[in-house]
Amino acid sequence: MVRSIPVFILAGLCEIGGGYLIWLWLREDRPWWFGLLGGLALAFYGVVATWQTSNFARVYATYGGIFIVMSILWSMKFDNYTPDKYDIVGALIALLGVCIIYYAPRN
């Protein structure tokens, strides 16, 4: 758990940051190199995902829930987004679900 959480966070930063740079390039008329950097960050996300020790299904299912939470936090920081109670409750449910999927003891 100590090793997996920083890897999940790094992957989230790569995916959300990369996607955000591409969004800015295509939707906010930023320079082409925003798109290039975004694409490189997204490619690196694919590499970071392989650093997890579990199988593909659990890793990617867990990324999904963590990215929900990180996307809300990213939007709060960079887009002045204010989540409502449903955003928060939904994110907490997703986080609980991924903790069960990834960290539940198995034989």
C-alpha atoms as a PDB file:
ATOM      1  CA  MET A   1       0.000   0.000   0.000  1.00  0.00           C
ATOM      2  CA  VAL A   2       2.838   2.397   0.838  1.00  0.00           C
ATOM      3  CA  ARG A   3       4.354   1.913  -2.628  1.00  0.00           C
ATOM      4  CA  SER A   4       1.143   1.738  -4.636  1.00  0.00           C
ATOM      5  CA  ILE A   5      -0.423   5.037  -3.539  1.00  0.00           C
ATOM      6  CA  PRO A   6       2.405   7.292  -4.817  1.00  0.00           C
ATOM      7  CA  VAL A   7       2.380   5.361  -8.112  1.00  0.00           C
ATOM      8  CA  PHE A   8      -1.391   5.870  -8.417  1.00  0.00           C
ATOM      9  CA  ILE A   9      -0.942   9.588  -7.720  1.00  0.00           C
ATOM     10  CA  LEU A  10       1.876   9.936 -10.254  1.00  0.00           C
ATOM     11  CA  ALA A  11      -0.212   8.130 -12.862  1.00  0.00           C
ATOM     12  CA  GLY A  12      -3.154  10.406 -12.083  1.00  0.00           C
ATOM     13  CA  LEU A  13      -1.021  13.500 -12.509  1.00  0.00           C
ATOM     14  CA  CYS A  14       0.263  12.199 -15.848  1.00  0.00           C
ATOM     15  CA  GLU A  15      -3.180  11.323 -17.173  1.00  0.00           C
ATOM     16  CA  ILE A  16      -5.081  14.329 -15.864  1.00  0.00           C
ATOM     17  CA  GLY A  17      -2.242  16.771 -16.547  1.00  0.00           C
ATOM     18  CA  GLY A  18      -1.700  15.384 -20.032  1.00  0.00           C
ATOM     19  CA  GLY A  19      -5.388  15.466 -20.835  1.00  0.00           C
ATOM     20  CA  TYR A  20      -5.657  18.979 -19.455  1.00  0.00           C
ATOM     21  CA  LEU A  21      -2.788  20.209 -21.648  1.00  0.00           C
ATOM     22  CA  ILE A  22      -4.449  18.723 -24.722  1.00  0.00           C
ATOM     23  CA  TRP A  23      -7.760  20.293 -23.648  1.00  0.00           C
ATOM     24  CA  LEU A  24      -6.079  23.689 -23.364  1.00  0.00           C
ATOM     25  CA  TRP A  25      -4.437  23.259 -26.776  1.00  0.00           C
ATOM     26  CA  LEU A  26      -7.600  22.224 -28.617  1.00  0.00           C
ATOM     27  CA  ARG A  27     -10.322  24.031 -26.668  1.00  0.00           C
ATOM     28  CA  GLU A  28      -8.569  27.107 -25.292  1.00  0.00           C
ATOM     29  CA  ASP A  29      -6.404  27.885 -28.343  1.00  0.00           C
ATOM     30  CA  ARG A  30      -3.063  27.369 -26.604  1.00  0.00           C
ATOM     31  CA  PRO A  31       0.157  26.710 -28.562  1.00  0.00           C
ATOM     32  CA  TRP A  32       0.726  23.344 -30.282  1.00  0.00           C
ATOM     33  CA  TRP A  33       3.416  22.384 -27.786  1.00  0.00           C
ATOM     34  CA  PHE A  34       0.737  22.130 -25.065  1.00  0.00           C
ATOM     35  CA  GLY A  35      -0.654  19.237 -27.092  1.00  0.00           C
ATOM     36  CA  LEU A  36       2.786  17.700 -27.533  1.00  0.00           C
ATOM     37  CA  LEU A  37       3.549  17.880 -23.804  1.00  0.00           C
ATOM     38  CA  GLY A  38       0.106  16.511 -23.050  1.00  0.00           C
ATOM     39  CA  GLY A  39       0.675  13.575 -25.389  1.00  0.00           C
ATOM     40  CA  LEU A  40       4.038  12.830 -23.789  1.00  0.00           C
ATOM     41  CA  ALA A  41       2.484  12.944 -20.309  1.00  0.00           C
ATOM     42  CA  LEU A  42      -0.256  10.555 -21.436  1.00  0.00           C
ATOM     43  CA  ALA A  43       2.312   8.171 -22.891  1.00  0.00           C
ATOM     44  CA  PHE A  44       4.268   8.277 -19.630  1.00  0.00           C
ATOM     45  CA  TYR A  45       1.040   7.462 -17.781  1.00  0.00           C
ATOM     46  CA  GLY A  46       0.949   4.186 -19.704  1.00  0.00           C
ATOM     47  CA  VAL A  47       4.441   3.392 -18.451  1.00  0.00           C
ATOM     48  CA  VAL A  48       3.713   4.373 -14.848  1.00  0.00           C
ATOM     49  CA  ALA A  49       0.724   2.012 -14.768  1.00  0.00           C
ATOM     50  CA  THR A  50       3.077  -0.938 -15.280  1.00  0.00           C
ATOM     51  CA  TRP A  51       4.886  -0.110 -12.046  1.00  0.00           C
ATOM     52  CA  GLN A  52       2.000  -1.460  -9.960  1.00  0.00           C
ATOM     53  CA  THR A  53       2.371  -4.977  -8.603  1.00  0.00           C
ATOM     54  CA  SER A  54      -1.211  -6.197  -9.099  1.00  0.00           C
ATOM     55  CA  ASN A  55      -2.839  -7.451 -12.282  1.00  0.00           C
ATOM     56  CA  PHE A  56      -4.130  -5.239 -15.099  1.00  0.00           C
ATOM     57  CA  ALA A  57      -7.812  -5.460 -14.112  1.00  0.00           C
ATOM     58  CA  ARG A  58      -7.310  -4.364 -10.514  1.00  0.00           C
ATOM     59  CA  VAL A  59      -4.785  -1.685 -11.385  1.00  0.00           C
ATOM     60  CA  TYR A  60      -6.967  -0.002 -13.997  1.00  0.00           C
ATOM     61  CA  ALA A  61     -10.159  -0.342 -11.959  1.00  0.00           C
ATOM     62  CA  THR A  62      -8.378   1.329  -9.060  1.00  0.00           C
ATOM     63  CA  TYR A  63      -6.988   4.082 -11.276  1.00  0.00           C
ATOM     64  CA  GLY A  64     -10.552   4.879 -12.304  1.00  0.00           C
ATOM     65  CA  GLY A  65     -11.667   5.663  -8.769  1.00  0.00           C
ATOM     66  CA  ILE A  66      -8.512   7.538  -7.851  1.00  0.00           C
ATOM     67  CA  PHE A  67      -8.775   9.609 -11.024  1.00  0.00           C
ATOM     68  CA  ILE A  68     -12.330  10.602 -10.103  1.00  0.00           C
ATOM     69  CA  VAL A  69     -11.039  12.139  -6.872  1.00  0.00           C
ATOM     70  CA  MET A  70      -7.945  13.635  -8.493  1.00  0.00           C
ATOM     71  CA  SER A  71      -9.995  15.144 -11.345  1.00  0.00           C
ATOM     72  CA  ILE A  72     -12.194  16.977  -8.867  1.00  0.00           C
ATOM     73  CA  LEU A  73      -9.139  18.221  -6.952  1.00  0.00           C
ATOM     74  CA  TRP A  74      -7.435  19.261 -10.225  1.00  0.00           C
ATOM     75  CA  SER A  75     -10.530  21.184 -11.316  1.00  0.00           C
ATOM     76  CA  MET A  76     -10.748  22.908  -7.966  1.00  0.00           C
ATOM     77  CA  LYS A  77      -7.143  24.054  -8.279  1.00  0.00           C
ATOM     78  CA  PHE A  78      -6.930  24.955 -11.977  1.00  0.00           C
ATOM     79  CA  ASP A  79     -10.520  25.688 -13.077  1.00  0.00           C
ATOM     80  CA  ASN A  80     -11.993  27.285  -9.940  1.00  0.00           C
ATOM     81  CA  TYR A  81     -14.478  24.420  -9.764  1.00  0.00           C
ATOM     82  CA  THR A  82     -16.528  23.995  -6.620  1.00  0.00           C
ATOM     83  CA  PRO A  83     -17.797  20.443  -6.135  1.00  0.00           C
ATOM     84  CA  ASP A  84     -21.283  19.987  -4.768  1.00  0.00           C
ATOM     85  CA  LYS A  85     -22.305  17.390  -2.204  1.00  0.00           C
ATOM     86  CA  TYR A  86     -23.062  14.833  -4.920  1.00  0.00           C
ATOM     87  CA  ASP A  87     -19.583  15.223  -6.395  1.00  0.00           C
ATOM     88  CA  ILE A  88     -18.057  14.663  -2.975  1.00  0.00           C
ATOM     89  CA  VAL A  89     -20.279  11.723  -2.023  1.00  0.00           C
ATOM     90  CA  GLY A  90     -19.738  10.092  -5.424  1.00  0.00           C
ATOM     91  CA  ALA A  91     -15.978  10.527  -5.184  1.00  0.00           C
ATOM     92  CA  LEU A  92     -15.908   9.032  -1.682  1.00  0.00           C
ATOM     93  CA  ILE A  93     -17.972   6.052  -2.822  1.00  0.00           C
ATOM     94  CA  ALA A  94     -15.594   5.523  -5.754  1.00  0.00           C
ATOM     95  CA  LEU A  95     -12.589   5.753  -3.432  1.00  0.00           C
ATOM     96  CA  LEU A  96     -14.110   3.242  -1.021  1.00  0.00           C
ATOM     97  CA  GLY A  97     -14.821   0.905  -3.924  1.00  0.00           C
ATOM     98  CA  VAL A  98     -11.289   1.009  -5.259  1.00  0.00           C
ATOM     99  CA  CYS A  99      -9.835   0.424  -1.811  1.00  0.00           C
ATOM    100  CA  ILE A 100     -11.926  -2.741  -1.598  1.00  0.00           C
ATOM    101  CA  ILE A 101     -10.919  -3.827  -5.105  1.00  0.00           C
ATOM    102  CA  TYR A 102      -7.195  -3.224  -4.662  1.00  0.00           C
ATOM    103  CA  TYR A 103      -6.431  -3.668  -0.978  1.00  0.00           C
ATOM    104  CA  ALA A 104      -8.864  -6.356   0.206  1.00  0.00           C
ATOM    105  CA  PRO A 105      -7.016  -9.384   1.564  1.00  0.00           C
ATOM    106  CA  ARG A 106      -7.104 -12.347  -0.813  1.00  0.00           C
ATOM    107  CA  ASN A 107      -5.925 -15.917  -0.568  1.00  0.00           C
END
